[in-house]
PDB file of N, CA and C in Angstrom:
ATOM      1  N   MET A   1     -33.011  67.896 -32.718  1.00  0.00           N
ATOM      2  CA  MET A   1     -32.463  67.515 -33.424  1.00  0.00           C
ATOM      3  C   MET A   1     -32.122  68.031 -34.956  1.00  0.00           C
ATOM      4  N   PRO A   2     -30.700  68.444 -35.376  1.00  0.00           N
ATOM      5  CA  PRO A   2     -30.514  69.016 -36.427  1.00  0.00           C
ATOM      6  C   PRO A   2     -31.344  68.090 -38.022  1.00  0.00           C
ATOM      7  N   CYS A   3     -31.737  68.894 -38.314  1.00  0.00           N
ATOM      8  CA  CYS A   3     -32.639  68.372 -39.996  1.00  0.00           C
ATOM      9  C   CYS A   3     -31.556  67.502 -40.915  1.00  0.00           C
ATOM     10  N   CYS A   4     -31.964  66.487 -41.171  1.00  0.00           N
ATOM     11  CA  CYS A   4     -31.094  65.197 -42.250  1.00  0.00           C
ATOM     12  C   CYS A   4     -30.138  66.197 -43.024  1.00  0.00           C
ATOM     13  N   LYS A   5     -30.614  66.985 -44.263  1.00  0.00           N
ATOM     14  CA  LYS A   5     -29.610  67.281 -44.607  1.00  0.00           C
ATOM     15  C   LYS A   5     -28.369  68.501 -44.413  1.00  0.00           C
ATOM     16  N   CYS A   6     -28.883  69.092 -43.095  1.00  0.00           N
ATOM     17  CA  CYS A   6     -27.834  69.402 -42.578  1.00  0.00           C
ATOM     18  C   CYS A   6     -26.792  68.705 -41.809  1.00  0.00           C
ATOM     19  N   LEU A   7     -27.502  67.602 -41.114  1.00  0.00           N
ATOM     20  CA  LEU A   7     -26.676  66.531 -40.973  1.00  0.00           C
ATOM     21  C   LEU A   7     -26.059  65.987 -42.091  1.00  0.00           C
ATOM     22  N   GLY A   8     -26.627  65.411 -43.334  1.00  0.00           N
ATOM     23  CA  GLY A   8     -25.780  65.331 -44.278  1.00  0.00           C
ATOM     24  C   GLY A   8     -24.556  65.811 -44.734  1.00  0.00           C
ATOM     25  N   LYS A   9     -24.991  67.458 -44.606  1.00  0.00           N
ATOM     26  CA  LYS A   9     -24.158  68.230 -45.237  1.00  0.00           C
ATOM     27  C   LYS A   9     -22.836  67.936 -44.233  1.00  0.00           C
ATOM     28  N   ALA A  10     -22.931  68.012 -42.722  1.00  0.00           N
ATOM     29  CA  ALA A  10     -21.891  68.116 -41.917  1.00  0.00           C
ATOM     30  C   ALA A  10     -21.252  66.825 -42.060  1.00  0.00           C
ATOM     31  N   ILE A  11     -21.572  65.847 -42.042  1.00  0.00           N
ATOM     32  CA  ILE A  11     -21.185  64.470 -41.971  1.00  0.00           C
ATOM     33  C   ILE A  11     -20.152  64.606 -43.746  1.00  0.00           C
ATOM     34  N   TYR A  12     -21.006  64.737 -45.016  1.00  0.00           N
ATOM     35  CA  TYR A  12     -19.958  65.110 -46.094  1.00  0.00           C
ATOM     36  C   TYR A  12     -18.860  65.625 -45.754  1.00  0.00           C
ATOM     37  N   SER A  13     -18.814  67.369 -44.884  1.00  0.00           N
ATOM     38  CA  SER A  13     -17.357  67.220 -45.211  1.00  0.00           C
ATOM     39  C   SER A  13     -16.474  67.158 -44.088  1.00  0.00           C
ATOM     40  N   ASN A  14     -16.836  66.197 -43.964  1.00  0.00           N
ATOM     41  CA  ASN A  14     -15.428  65.004 -43.264  1.00  0.00           C
ATOM     42  C   ASN A  14     -14.816  64.256 -44.490  1.00  0.00           C
ATOM     43  N   PHE A  15     -15.656  63.946 -45.528  1.00  0.00           N
ATOM     44  CA  PHE A  15     -15.326  63.295 -46.764  1.00  0.00           C
ATOM     45  C   PHE A  15     -14.577  63.737 -47.845  1.00  0.00           C
ATOM     46  N   PRO A  16     -13.994  63.134 -48.665  1.00  0.00           N
ATOM     47  CA  PRO A  16     -13.664  63.677 -49.852  1.00  0.00           C
ATOM     48  C   PRO A  16     -14.505  64.344 -50.554  1.00  0.00           C
ATOM     49  N   GLN A  17     -14.439  65.114 -51.651  1.00  0.00           N
ATOM     50  CA  GLN A  17     -15.519  65.563 -52.469  1.00  0.00           C
ATOM     51  C   GLN A  17     -16.156  64.043 -53.353  1.00  0.00           C
ATOM     52  N   SER A  18     -17.208  64.015 -54.238  1.00  0.00           N
ATOM     53  CA  SER A  18     -17.563  63.327 -55.217  1.00  0.00           C
ATOM     54  C   SER A  18     -18.380  64.070 -56.140  1.00  0.00           C
ATOM     55  N   THR A  19     -18.260  63.031 -57.378  1.00  0.00           N
ATOM     56  CA  THR A  19     -19.118  63.555 -58.052  1.00  0.00           C
ATOM     57  C   THR A  19     -20.445  63.268 -57.961  1.00  0.00           C
ATOM     58  N   HIS A  20     -20.904  62.553 -57.199  1.00  0.00           N
ATOM     59  CA  HIS A  20     -22.361  62.376 -57.466  1.00  0.00           C
ATOM     60  C   HIS A  20     -22.718  62.864 -55.878  1.00  0.00           C
ATOM     61  N   GLN A  21     -22.249  63.884 -55.306  1.00  0.00           N
ATOM     62  CA  GLN A  21     -22.354  64.753 -54.302  1.00  0.00           C
ATOM     63  C   GLN A  21     -23.947  65.691 -55.032  1.00  0.00           C
ATOM     64  N   LEU A  22     -24.908  65.001 -54.315  1.00  0.00           N
ATOM     65  CA  LEU A  22     -26.288  65.846 -55.011  1.00  0.00           C
ATOM     66  C   LEU A  22     -26.772  66.905 -53.602  1.00  0.00           C
ATOM     67  N   ASN A  23     -26.931  68.169 -53.828  1.00  0.00           N
ATOM     68  CA  ASN A  23     -28.360  68.899 -52.758  1.00  0.00           C
ATOM     69  C   ASN A  23     -27.422  68.406 -51.527  1.00  0.00           C
ATOM     70  N   GLY A  24     -26.247  68.216 -51.672  1.00  0.00           N
ATOM     71  CA  GLY A  24     -25.078  68.497 -49.984  1.00  0.00           C
ATOM     72  C   GLY A  24     -25.637  66.979 -49.348  1.00  0.00           C
ATOM     73  N   TYR A  25     -25.706  65.793 -50.092  1.00  0.00           N
ATOM     74  CA  TYR A  25     -26.008  64.579 -49.414  1.00  0.00           C
ATOM     75  C   TYR A  25     -24.446  63.727 -49.734  1.00  0.00           C
ATOM     76  N   PRO A  26     -24.359  62.911 -48.701  1.00  0.00           N
ATOM     77  CA  PRO A  26     -23.397  62.197 -49.470  1.00  0.00           C
ATOM     78  C   PRO A  26     -23.273  60.714 -50.248  1.00  0.00           C
ATOM     79  N   ASP A  27     -22.626  60.161 -50.779  1.00  0.00           N
ATOM     80  CA  ASP A  27     -23.050  58.866 -52.023  1.00  0.00           C
ATOM     81  C   ASP A  27     -23.803  58.374 -51.157  1.00  0.00           C
ATOM     82  N   GLY A  28     -25.023  57.711 -52.239  1.00  0.00           N
ATOM     83  CA  GLY A  28     -25.807  57.100 -51.179  1.00  0.00           C
ATOM     84  C   GLY A  28     -27.315  57.919 -50.772  1.00  0.00           C
ATOM     85  N   LEU A  29     -26.928  58.708 -49.922  1.00  0.00           N
ATOM     86  CA  LEU A  29     -27.980  59.423 -49.499  1.00  0.00           C
ATOM     87  C   LEU A  29     -28.737  59.904 -50.136  1.00  0.00           C
ATOM     88  N   GLU A  30     -28.785  60.644 -51.188  1.00  0.00           N
ATOM     89  CA  GLU A  30     -29.453  61.261 -51.818  1.00  0.00           C
ATOM     90  C   GLU A  30     -30.904  60.273 -52.249  1.00  0.00           C
ATOM     91  N   ASP A  31     -30.687  58.590 -52.330  1.00  0.00           N
ATOM     92  CA  ASP A  31     -31.537  57.634 -52.507  1.00  0.00           C
ATOM     93  C   ASP A  31     -32.864  57.808 -51.189  1.00  0.00           C
ATOM     94  N   LEU A  32     -32.255  58.256 -50.108  1.00  0.00           N
ATOM     95  CA  LEU A  32     -32.899  58.004 -49.225  1.00  0.00           C
ATOM     96  C   LEU A  32     -33.360  59.196 -49.019  1.00  0.00           C
ATOM     97  N   ARG A  33     -33.357  60.429 -49.662  1.00  0.00           N
ATOM     98  CA  ARG A  33     -33.706  61.607 -49.472  1.00  0.00           C
ATOM     99  C   ARG A  33     -35.279  61.349 -50.337  1.00  0.00           C
ATOM    100  N   LEU A  34     -34.868  60.703 -51.109  1.00  0.00           N
ATOM    101  CA  LEU A  34     -35.887  60.635 -52.381  1.00  0.00           C
ATOM    102  C   LEU A  34     -37.186  59.976 -52.052  1.00  0.00           C
ATOM    103  N   SER A  35     -36.311  58.714 -51.324  1.00  0.00           N
ATOM    104  CA  SER A  35     -37.374  57.927 -51.186  1.00  0.00           C
ATOM    105  C   SER A  35     -38.157  58.180 -49.641  1.00  0.00           C
ATOM    106  N   GLY A  36     -37.944  59.084 -48.817  1.00  0.00           N
ATOM    107  CA  GLY A  36     -38.644  59.663 -48.004  1.00  0.00           C
ATOM    108  C   GLY A  36     -38.064  59.499 -46.653  1.00  0.00           C
ATOM    109  N   ILE A  37     -37.457  58.249 -46.458  1.00  0.00           N
ATOM    110  CA  ILE A  37     -36.805  57.893 -45.203  1.00  0.00           C
ATOM    111  C   ILE A  37     -35.419  58.833 -44.334  1.00  0.00           C
ATOM    112  N   SER A  38     -35.299  59.856 -44.899  1.00  0.00           N
ATOM    113  CA  SER A  38     -34.690  61.095 -44.448  1.00  0.00           C
ATOM    114  C   SER A  38     -35.488  61.794 -43.905  1.00  0.00           C
ATOM    115  N   HIS A  39     -36.635  61.494 -43.561  1.00  0.00           N
ATOM    116  CA  HIS A  39     -37.705  62.503 -42.932  1.00  0.00           C
ATOM    117  C   HIS A  39     -37.561  61.781 -41.462  1.00  0.00           C
ATOM    118  N   ASN A  40     -37.309  60.576 -41.156  1.00  0.00           N
ATOM    119  CA  ASN A  40     -36.940  59.943 -39.971  1.00  0.00           C
ATOM    120  C   ASN A  40     -35.572  59.959 -39.717  1.00  0.00           C
ATOM    121  N   PRO A  41     -34.961  60.905 -38.786  1.00  0.00           N
ATOM    122  CA  PRO A  41     -33.562  60.884 -38.331  1.00  0.00           C
ATOM    123  C   PRO A  41     -32.801  59.366 -37.560  1.00  0.00           C
ATOM    124  N   THR A  42     -33.715  59.106 -36.982  1.00  0.00           N
ATOM    125  CA  THR A  42     -33.503  57.651 -36.245  1.00  0.00           C
ATOM    126  C   THR A  42     -32.705  56.552 -37.703  1.00  0.00           C
ATOM    127  N   VAL A  43     -33.819  56.827 -38.726  1.00  0.00           N
ATOM    128  CA  VAL A  43     -33.640  55.634 -39.705  1.00  0.00           C
ATOM    129  C   VAL A  43     -32.294  56.688 -40.529  1.00  0.00           C
ATOM    130  N   PHE A  44     -32.473  57.492 -40.679  1.00  0.00           N
ATOM    131  CA  PHE A  44     -31.267  58.518 -41.626  1.00  0.00           C
ATOM    132  C   PHE A  44     -29.885  58.237 -40.763  1.00  0.00           C
ATOM    133  N   LEU A  45     -29.797  58.436 -39.664  1.00  0.00           N
ATOM    134  CA  LEU A  45     -28.599  58.022 -39.035  1.00  0.00           C
ATOM    135  C   LEU A  45     -27.910  56.614 -39.202  1.00  0.00           C
ATOM    136  N   SER A  46     -28.995  55.753 -38.532  1.00  0.00           N
ATOM    137  CA  SER A  46     -29.312  53.794 -38.384  1.00  0.00           C
ATOM    138  C   SER A  46     -27.714  53.754 -40.046  1.00  0.00           C
ATOM    139  N   VAL A  47     -28.404  53.985 -41.394  1.00  0.00           N
ATOM    140  CA  VAL A  47     -28.049  53.907 -42.742  1.00  0.00           C
ATOM    141  C   VAL A  47     -26.939  54.359 -42.588  1.00  0.00           C
ATOM    142  N   LEU A  48     -27.245  56.334 -42.212  1.00  0.00           N
ATOM    143  CA  LEU A  48     -25.846  56.507 -42.016  1.00  0.00           C
ATOM    144  C   LEU A  48     -24.539  56.003 -41.699  1.00  0.00           C
ATOM    145  N   MET A  49     -24.882  55.185 -40.541  1.00  0.00           N
ATOM    146  CA  MET A  49     -23.605  54.689 -39.837  1.00  0.00           C
ATOM    147  C   MET A  49     -23.409  53.411 -40.303  1.00  0.00           C
ATOM    148  N   LEU A  50     -24.411  52.949 -41.025  1.00  0.00           N
ATOM    149  CA  LEU A  50     -24.057  51.524 -41.848  1.00  0.00           C
ATOM    150  C   LEU A  50     -23.048  52.012 -42.958  1.00  0.00           C
ATOM    151  N   GLY A  51     -23.285  52.824 -43.659  1.00  0.00           N
ATOM    152  CA  GLY A  51     -22.524  53.570 -44.508  1.00  0.00           C
ATOM    153  C   GLY A  51     -21.051  53.726 -44.037  1.00  0.00           C
ATOM    154  N   LEU A  52     -21.250  54.321 -42.998  1.00  0.00           N
ATOM    155  CA  LEU A  52     -19.661  54.459 -42.258  1.00  0.00           C
ATOM    156  C   LEU A  52     -18.772  53.440 -41.966  1.00  0.00           C
ATOM    157  N   GLU A  53     -19.554  52.279 -41.232  1.00  0.00           N
ATOM    158  CA  GLU A  53     -19.337  51.090 -40.744  1.00  0.00           C
ATOM    159  C   GLU A  53     -18.567  50.405 -42.427  1.00  0.00           C
ATOM    160  N   GLN A  54     -19.308  50.423 -43.761  1.00  0.00           N
ATOM    161  CA  GLN A  54     -18.773  50.047 -44.818  1.00  0.00           C
ATOM    162  C   GLN A  54     -17.767  50.577 -44.904  1.00  0.00           C
ATOM    163  N   ARG A  55     -17.327  51.825 -45.223  1.00  0.00           N
ATOM    164  CA  ARG A  55     -16.395  52.532 -45.519  1.00  0.00           C
ATOM    165  C   ARG A  55     -14.907  52.400 -44.784  1.00  0.00           C
ATOM    166  N   ALA A  56     -15.177  52.193 -43.475  1.00  0.00           N
ATOM    167  CA  ALA A  56     -14.091  51.894 -42.410  1.00  0.00           C
ATOM    168  C   ALA A  56     -13.431  50.468 -42.622  1.00  0.00           C
ATOM    169  N   ARG A  57     -14.460  49.549 -42.959  1.00  0.00           N
ATOM    170  CA  ARG A  57     -14.037  48.104 -43.357  1.00  0.00           C
ATOM    171  C   ARG A  57     -13.464  48.470 -44.657  1.00  0.00           C
ATOM    172  N   GLU A  58     -13.771  49.096 -45.726  1.00  0.00           N
ATOM    173  CA  GLU A  58     -12.626  49.154 -47.003  1.00  0.00           C
ATOM    174  C   GLU A  58     -11.831  49.471 -46.753  1.00  0.00           C
ATOM    175  N   ARG A  59     -11.369  50.971 -45.960  1.00  0.00           N
ATOM    176  CA  ARG A  59     -10.502  51.256 -45.499  1.00  0.00           C
ATOM    177  C   ARG A  59      -9.212  50.493 -44.863  1.00  0.00           C
ATOM    178  N   GLN A  60      -9.765  49.624 -43.887  1.00  0.00           N
ATOM    179  CA  GLN A  60      -9.022  48.953 -42.850  1.00  0.00           C
ATOM    180  C   GLN A  60      -8.522  47.398 -43.944  1.00  0.00           C
ATOM    181  N   ALA A  61      -9.372  47.046 -45.349  1.00  0.00           N
ATOM    182  CA  ALA A  61      -8.961  46.330 -45.987  1.00  0.00           C
ATOM    183  C   ALA A  61      -7.750  46.561 -46.740  1.00  0.00           C
ATOM    184  N   ASP A  62      -7.914  48.018 -47.539  1.00  0.00           N
ATOM    185  CA  ASP A  62      -7.029  48.566 -48.115  1.00  0.00           C
ATOM    186  C   ASP A  62      -5.801  48.414 -47.141  1.00  0.00           C
ATOM    187  N   ARG A  63      -5.482  48.977 -46.080  1.00  0.00           N
ATOM    188  CA  ARG A  63      -4.342  49.067 -45.223  1.00  0.00           C
ATOM    189  C   ARG A  63      -3.755  47.872 -44.900  1.00  0.00           C
ATOM    190  N   LYS A  64      -4.813  46.612 -44.723  1.00  0.00           N
ATOM    191  CA  LYS A  64      -3.863  45.475 -44.447  1.00  0.00           C
ATOM    192  C   LYS A  64      -3.617  45.040 -45.978  1.00  0.00           C
ATOM    193  N   THR A  65      -4.026  44.952 -46.855  1.00  0.00           N
ATOM    194  CA  THR A  65      -3.288  44.690 -47.996  1.00  0.00           C
ATOM    195  C   THR A  65      -2.240  45.772 -48.614  1.00  0.00           C
ATOM    196  N   ASP A  66      -2.200  46.741 -48.346  1.00  0.00           N
ATOM    197  CA  ASP A  66      -0.912  47.728 -48.081  1.00  0.00           C
ATOM    198  C   ASP A  66       0.269  46.987 -47.808  1.00  0.00           C
ATOM    199  N   ARG A  67      -0.350  46.791 -46.227  1.00  0.00           N
ATOM    200  CA  ARG A  67       0.739  45.849 -45.175  1.00  0.00           C
ATOM    201  C   ARG A  67       1.389  44.793 -45.806  1.00  0.00           C
ATOM    202  N   ASP A  68       0.318  43.733 -46.142  1.00  0.00           N
ATOM    203  CA  ASP A  68       0.494  42.398 -46.977  1.00  0.00           C
ATOM    204  C   ASP A  68       1.602  42.699 -47.896  1.00  0.00           C
ATOM    205  N   ARG A  69       1.147  43.738 -48.755  1.00  0.00           N
ATOM    206  CA  ARG A  69       2.426  43.977 -49.942  1.00  0.00           C
ATOM    207  C   ARG A  69       3.737  44.556 -49.574  1.00  0.00           C
ATOM    208  N   GLU A  70       4.024  45.134 -48.817  1.00  0.00           N
ATOM    209  CA  GLU A  70       5.272  46.055 -47.984  1.00  0.00           C
ATOM    210  C   GLU A  70       5.901  44.423 -47.421  1.00  0.00           C
ATOM    211  N   LYS A  71       5.032  43.667 -46.827  1.00  0.00           N
ATOM    212  CA  LYS A  71       6.110  42.540 -46.171  1.00  0.00           C
ATOM    213  C   LYS A  71       6.733  41.565 -47.173  1.00  0.00           C
ATOM    214  N   GLU A  72       5.300  41.575 -48.358  1.00  0.00           N
ATOM    215  CA  GLU A  72       6.247  40.811 -49.470  1.00  0.00           C
ATOM    216  C   GLU A  72       7.146  41.299 -50.035  1.00  0.00           C
ATOM    217  N   GLU A  73       7.545  42.437 -50.263  1.00  0.00           N
ATOM    218  CA  GLU A  73       8.512  43.073 -50.992  1.00  0.00           C
ATOM    219  C   GLU A  73       9.954  42.716 -50.053  1.00  0.00           C
ATOM    220  N   GLU A  74       9.672  43.340 -48.558  1.00  0.00           N
ATOM    221  CA  GLU A  74      10.450  43.419 -47.631  1.00  0.00           C
ATOM    222  C   GLU A  74      11.517  41.755 -47.776  1.00  0.00           C
ATOM    223  N   GLU A  75      10.305  40.856 -47.940  1.00  0.00           N
ATOM    224  CA  GLU A  75      10.366  39.375 -48.024  1.00  0.00           C
ATOM    225  C   GLU A  75      11.726  39.227 -48.991  1.00  0.00           C
ATOM    226  N   GLU A  76      11.454  39.566 -50.021  1.00  0.00           N
ATOM    227  CA  GLU A  76      11.616  39.285 -51.679  1.00  0.00           C
ATOM    228  C   GLU A  76      13.267  39.858 -51.805  1.00  0.00           C
ATOM    229  N   GLU A  77      13.382  41.509 -50.976  1.00  0.00           N
ATOM    230  CA  GLU A  77      14.762  41.857 -50.923  1.00  0.00           C
ATOM    231  C   GLU A  77      15.704  41.356 -49.914  1.00  0.00           C
ATOM    232  N   GLU A  78      15.492  40.783 -49.183  1.00  0.00           N
ATOM    233  CA  GLU A  78      15.579  39.718 -48.021  1.00  0.00           C
ATOM    234  C   GLU A  78      16.164  38.203 -48.717  1.00  0.00           C
ATOM    235  N   GLU A  79      15.647  37.996 -49.567  1.00  0.00           N
ATOM    236  CA  GLU A  79      15.798  36.469 -50.251  1.00  0.00           C
ATOM    237  C   GLU A  79      17.137  37.360 -51.723  1.00  0.00           C
ATOM    238  N   GLU A  80      16.969  38.270 -52.132  1.00  0.00           N
ATOM    239  CA  GLU A  80      17.902  38.546 -53.109  1.00  0.00           C
ATOM    240  C   GLU A  80      19.017  38.996 -51.976  1.00  0.00           C
ATOM    241  N   GLU A  81      19.063  39.686 -51.129  1.00  0.00           N
ATOM    242  CA  GLU A  81      20.260  39.627 -50.203  1.00  0.00           C
ATOM    243  C   GLU A  81      21.211  38.664 -50.009  1.00  0.00           C
ATOM    244  N   GLU A  82      20.255  37.312 -49.379  1.00  0.00           N
ATOM    245  CA  GLU A  82      20.909  36.181 -49.160  1.00  0.00           C
ATOM    246  C   GLU A  82      21.330  35.703 -50.050  1.00  0.00           C
ATOM    247  N   GLU A  83      20.637  35.648 -51.539  1.00  0.00           N
ATOM    248  CA  GLU A  83      21.255  34.996 -52.761  1.00  0.00           C
ATOM    249  C   GLU A  83      22.975  35.867 -53.058  1.00  0.00           C
ATOM    250  N   GLU A  84      22.658  36.873 -52.863  1.00  0.00           N
ATOM    251  CA  GLU A  84      24.049  37.840 -53.147  1.00  0.00           C
ATOM    252  C   GLU A  84      25.026  37.482 -52.394  1.00  0.00           C
ATOM    253  N   GLU A  85      24.880  37.201 -50.806  1.00  0.00           N
ATOM    254  CA  GLU A  85      25.802  36.925 -50.022  1.00  0.00           C
ATOM    255  C   GLU A  85      26.354  35.193 -50.106  1.00  0.00           C
ATOM    256  N   GLU A  86      25.358  34.474 -50.449  1.00  0.00           N
ATOM    257  CA  GLU A  86      26.152  33.252 -50.604  1.00  0.00           C
ATOM    258  C   GLU A  86      26.852  33.233 -52.068  1.00  0.00           C
ATOM    259  N   GLU A  87      26.033  33.866 -52.879  1.00  0.00           N
ATOM    260  CA  GLU A  87      27.319  34.203 -54.364  1.00  0.00           C
ATOM    261  C   GLU A  87      28.579  33.957 -53.995  1.00  0.00           C
ATOM    262  N   GLU A  88      28.424  35.370 -53.436  1.00  0.00           N
ATOM    263  CA  GLU A  88      29.780  35.870 -52.605  1.00  0.00           C
ATOM    264  C   GLU A  88      30.896  34.971 -52.085  1.00  0.00           C
ATOM    265  N   GLU A  89      30.158  34.456 -50.926  1.00  0.00           N
ATOM    266  CA  GLU A  89      30.983  33.328 -50.382  1.00  0.00           C
ATOM    267  C   GLU A  89      30.978  32.361 -50.892  1.00  0.00           C
ATOM    268  N   GLU A  90      30.293  31.654 -52.390  1.00  0.00           N
ATOM    269  CA  GLU A  90      31.173  30.786 -53.423  1.00  0.00           C
ATOM    270  C   GLU A  90      32.358  31.365 -53.683  1.00  0.00           C
ATOM    271  N   GLU A  91      32.063  32.146 -54.010  1.00  0.00           N
ATOM    272  CA  GLU A  91      33.234  32.878 -54.985  1.00  0.00           C
ATOM    273  C   GLU A  91      34.619  33.083 -54.128  1.00  0.00           C
ATOM    274  N   GLU A  92      34.627  33.770 -52.505  1.00  0.00           N
ATOM    275  CA  GLU A  92      35.285  33.163 -51.854  1.00  0.00           C
ATOM    276  C   GLU A  92      36.423  32.105 -51.506  1.00  0.00           C
ATOM    277  N   GLU A  93      35.222  30.911 -51.538  1.00  0.00           N
ATOM    278  CA  GLU A  93      35.577  29.925 -51.339  1.00  0.00           C
ATOM    279  C   GLU A  93      36.478  29.768 -52.968  1.00  0.00           C
ATOM    280  N   GLU A  94      35.927  29.801 -54.180  1.00  0.00           N
ATOM    281  CA  GLU A  94      36.842  29.386 -55.389  1.00  0.00           C
ATOM    282  C   GLU A  94      37.938  29.868 -54.770  1.00  0.00           C
ATOM    283  N   GLU A  95      38.394  31.064 -54.623  1.00  0.00           N
ATOM    284  CA  GLU A  95      39.193  32.135 -54.781  1.00  0.00           C
ATOM    285  C   GLU A  95      40.296  31.347 -54.035  1.00  0.00           C
ATOM    286  N   GLU A  96      39.991  31.119 -52.269  1.00  0.00           N
ATOM    287  CA  GLU A  96      40.823  30.417 -51.586  1.00  0.00           C
ATOM    288  C   GLU A  96      41.317  29.189 -52.318  1.00  0.00           C
ATOM    289  N   GLU A  97      40.395  27.992 -52.992  1.00  0.00           N
ATOM    290  CA  GLU A  97      40.643  26.687 -53.249  1.00  0.00           C
ATOM    291  C   GLU A  97      41.863  27.155 -54.424  1.00  0.00           C
ATOM    292  N   GLU A  98      41.805  28.030 -55.114  1.00  0.00           N
ATOM    293  CA  GLU A  98      42.373  28.348 -56.222  1.00  0.00           C
ATOM    294  C   GLU A  98      43.883  28.653 -55.385  1.00  0.00           C
ATOM    295  N   GLU A  99      44.286  29.753 -54.837  1.00  0.00           N
ATOM    296  CA  GLU A  99      45.339  29.764 -54.309  1.00  0.00           C
ATOM    297  C   GLU A  99      46.316  28.884 -53.662  1.00  0.00           C
ATOM    298  N   GLU A 100      45.100  27.721 -52.923  1.00  0.00           N
ATOM    299  CA  GLU A 100      46.030  26.675 -52.468  1.00  0.00           C
ATOM    300  C   GLU A 100      46.732  25.816 -53.261  1.00  0.00           C
ATOM    301  N   GLU A 101      45.621  25.435 -54.855  1.00  0.00           N
ATOM    302  CA  GLU A 101      46.554  24.653 -55.754  1.00  0.00           C
ATOM    303  C   GLU A 101      47.482  25.252 -56.100  1.00  0.00           C
ATOM    304  N   GLU A 102      47.714  26.658 -56.374  1.00  0.00           N
ATOM    305  CA  GLU A 102      48.609  27.475 -56.736  1.00  0.00           C
ATOM    306  C   GLU A 102      49.765  27.291 -55.865  1.00  0.00           C
ATOM    307  N   LYS A 103      49.231  27.432 -54.690  1.00  0.00           N
ATOM    308  CA  LYS A 103      50.949  27.204 -53.688  1.00  0.00           C
ATOM    309  C   LYS A 103      51.354  25.507 -53.520  1.00  0.00           C
ATOM    310  N   GLU A 104      50.389  25.223 -54.024  1.00  0.00           N
ATOM    311  CA  GLU A 104      51.007  23.413 -53.998  1.00  0.00           C
ATOM    312  C   GLU A 104      51.411  22.996 -55.199  1.00  0.00           C
ATOM    313  N   GLU A 105      51.571  23.746 -56.017  1.00  0.00           N
ATOM    314  CA  GLU A 105      51.794  23.769 -57.703  1.00  0.00           C
ATOM    315  C   GLU A 105      53.363  24.554 -56.900  1.00  0.00           C
ATOM    316  N   ALA A 106      53.266  25.537 -56.852  1.00  0.00           N
ATOM    317  CA  ALA A 106      54.662  25.943 -56.407  1.00  0.00           C
ATOM    318  C   ALA A 106      55.574  25.377 -55.447  1.00  0.00           C
ATOM    319  N   MET A 107      55.239  24.711 -54.772  1.00  0.00           N
ATOM    320  CA  MET A 107      55.973  24.069 -54.066  1.00  0.00           C
ATOM    321  C   MET A 107      56.604  22.435 -54.707  1.00  0.00           C
ATOM    322  N   HIS A 108      55.880  22.336 -55.479  1.00  0.00           N
ATOM    323  CA  HIS A 108      56.470  20.827 -56.195  1.00  0.00           C
ATOM    324  C   HIS A 108      57.264  21.387 -57.422  1.00  0.00           C
ATOM    325  N   SER A 109      57.204  22.531 -57.786  1.00  0.00           N
ATOM    326  CA  SER A 109      57.878  23.096 -58.904  1.00  0.00           C
ATOM    327  C   SER A 109      59.175  23.827 -58.683  1.00  0.00           C
ATOM    328  N   HIS A 110      59.287  23.928 -57.217  1.00  0.00           N
ATOM    329  CA  HIS A 110      60.247  24.666 -56.575  1.00  0.00           C
ATOM    330  C   HIS A 110      62.011  23.700 -56.687  1.00  0.00           C
ATOM    331  N   PRO A 111      63.036  24.089 -57.544  1.00  0.00           N
ATOM    332  CA  PRO A 111      64.052  23.684 -57.615  1.00  0.00           C
ATOM    333  C   PRO A 111      64.815  22.895 -56.456  1.00  0.00           C
ATOM    334  N   CYS A 112      64.566  23.725 -54.857  1.00  0.00           N
ATOM    335  CA  CYS A 112      65.262  22.755 -54.072  1.00  0.00           C
ATOM    336  C   CYS A 112      64.027  21.856 -53.851  1.00  0.00           C
ATOM    337  N   ARG A 113      63.297  21.334 -54.032  1.00  0.00           N
ATOM    338  CA  ARG A 113      62.594  20.398 -53.722  1.00  0.00           C
ATOM    339  C   ARG A 113      63.129  18.934 -54.494  1.00  0.00           C
ATOM    340  N   ASN A 114      63.977  19.176 -55.626  1.00  0.00           N
ATOM    341  CA  ASN A 114      64.731  18.185 -56.292  1.00  0.00           C
ATOM    342  C   ASN A 114      65.592  17.552 -55.613  1.00  0.00           C
ATOM    343  N   GLU A 115      66.008  18.678 -55.117  1.00  0.00           N
ATOM    344  CA  GLU A 115      67.838  18.039 -54.003  1.00  0.00           C
ATOM    345  C   GLU A 115      66.807  17.534 -52.925  1.00  0.00           C
ATOM    346  N   ILE A 116      66.241  18.242 -52.259  1.00  0.00           N
ATOM    347  CA  ILE A 116      65.628  17.483 -51.016  1.00  0.00           C
ATOM    348  C   ILE A 116      65.292  16.004 -51.628  1.00  0.00           C
ATOM    349  N   ALA A 117      64.709  15.641 -52.748  1.00  0.00           N
ATOM    350  CA  ALA A 117      64.062  14.683 -52.639  1.00  0.00           C
ATOM    351  C   ALA A 117      65.064  13.204 -52.583  1.00  0.00           C
ATOM    352  N   TYR A 118      66.020  13.942 -53.136  1.00  0.00           N
ATOM    353  CA  TYR A 118      67.489  13.311 -53.798  1.00  0.00           C
ATOM    354  C   TYR A 118      68.240  12.836 -52.797  1.00  0.00           C
ATOM    355  N   PHE A 119      67.671  13.828 -51.659  1.00  0.00           N
ATOM    356  CA  PHE A 119      68.556  13.585 -50.299  1.00  0.00           C
ATOM    357  C   PHE A 119      67.897  12.359 -49.420  1.00  0.00           C
ATOM    358  N   LEU A 120      66.806  12.603 -49.667  1.00  0.00           N
ATOM    359  CA  LEU A 120      65.605  11.903 -48.742  1.00  0.00           C
ATOM    360  C   LEU A 120      65.933  10.257 -49.416  1.00  0.00           C
ATOM    361  N   LEU A 121      65.927  10.139 -50.794  1.00  0.00           N
ATOM    362  CA  LEU A 121      65.635   8.892 -51.318  1.00  0.00           C
ATOM    363  C   LEU A 121      67.076   7.844 -50.911  1.00  0.00           C
TER     364      LEU A 121
END
């Protein structure tokens, strides 16, 4: 089995660079080396796996948050589109009503109407 320092370097190479990198160890593993736990590879790997699981959970939570945010944005866009469609429909209905009123007024003001009304009486 490789020594803990080599393991740390190999694992650290899979993660982004950190300002806290000390002697090739990932964040938090320097404390293990100083406390002497890193001399026991089983404990070292156990603690390392816990750290990796925590990072995976954090990334998963970030992805979930991003998905939730995207869903909210999509819902807001859909609501805005629905509101715009409703406004357009209302405007069309108003225009149709105005056209009908104009037609009715035109019928009542037509000169032949008076003549027809005279004959009907």
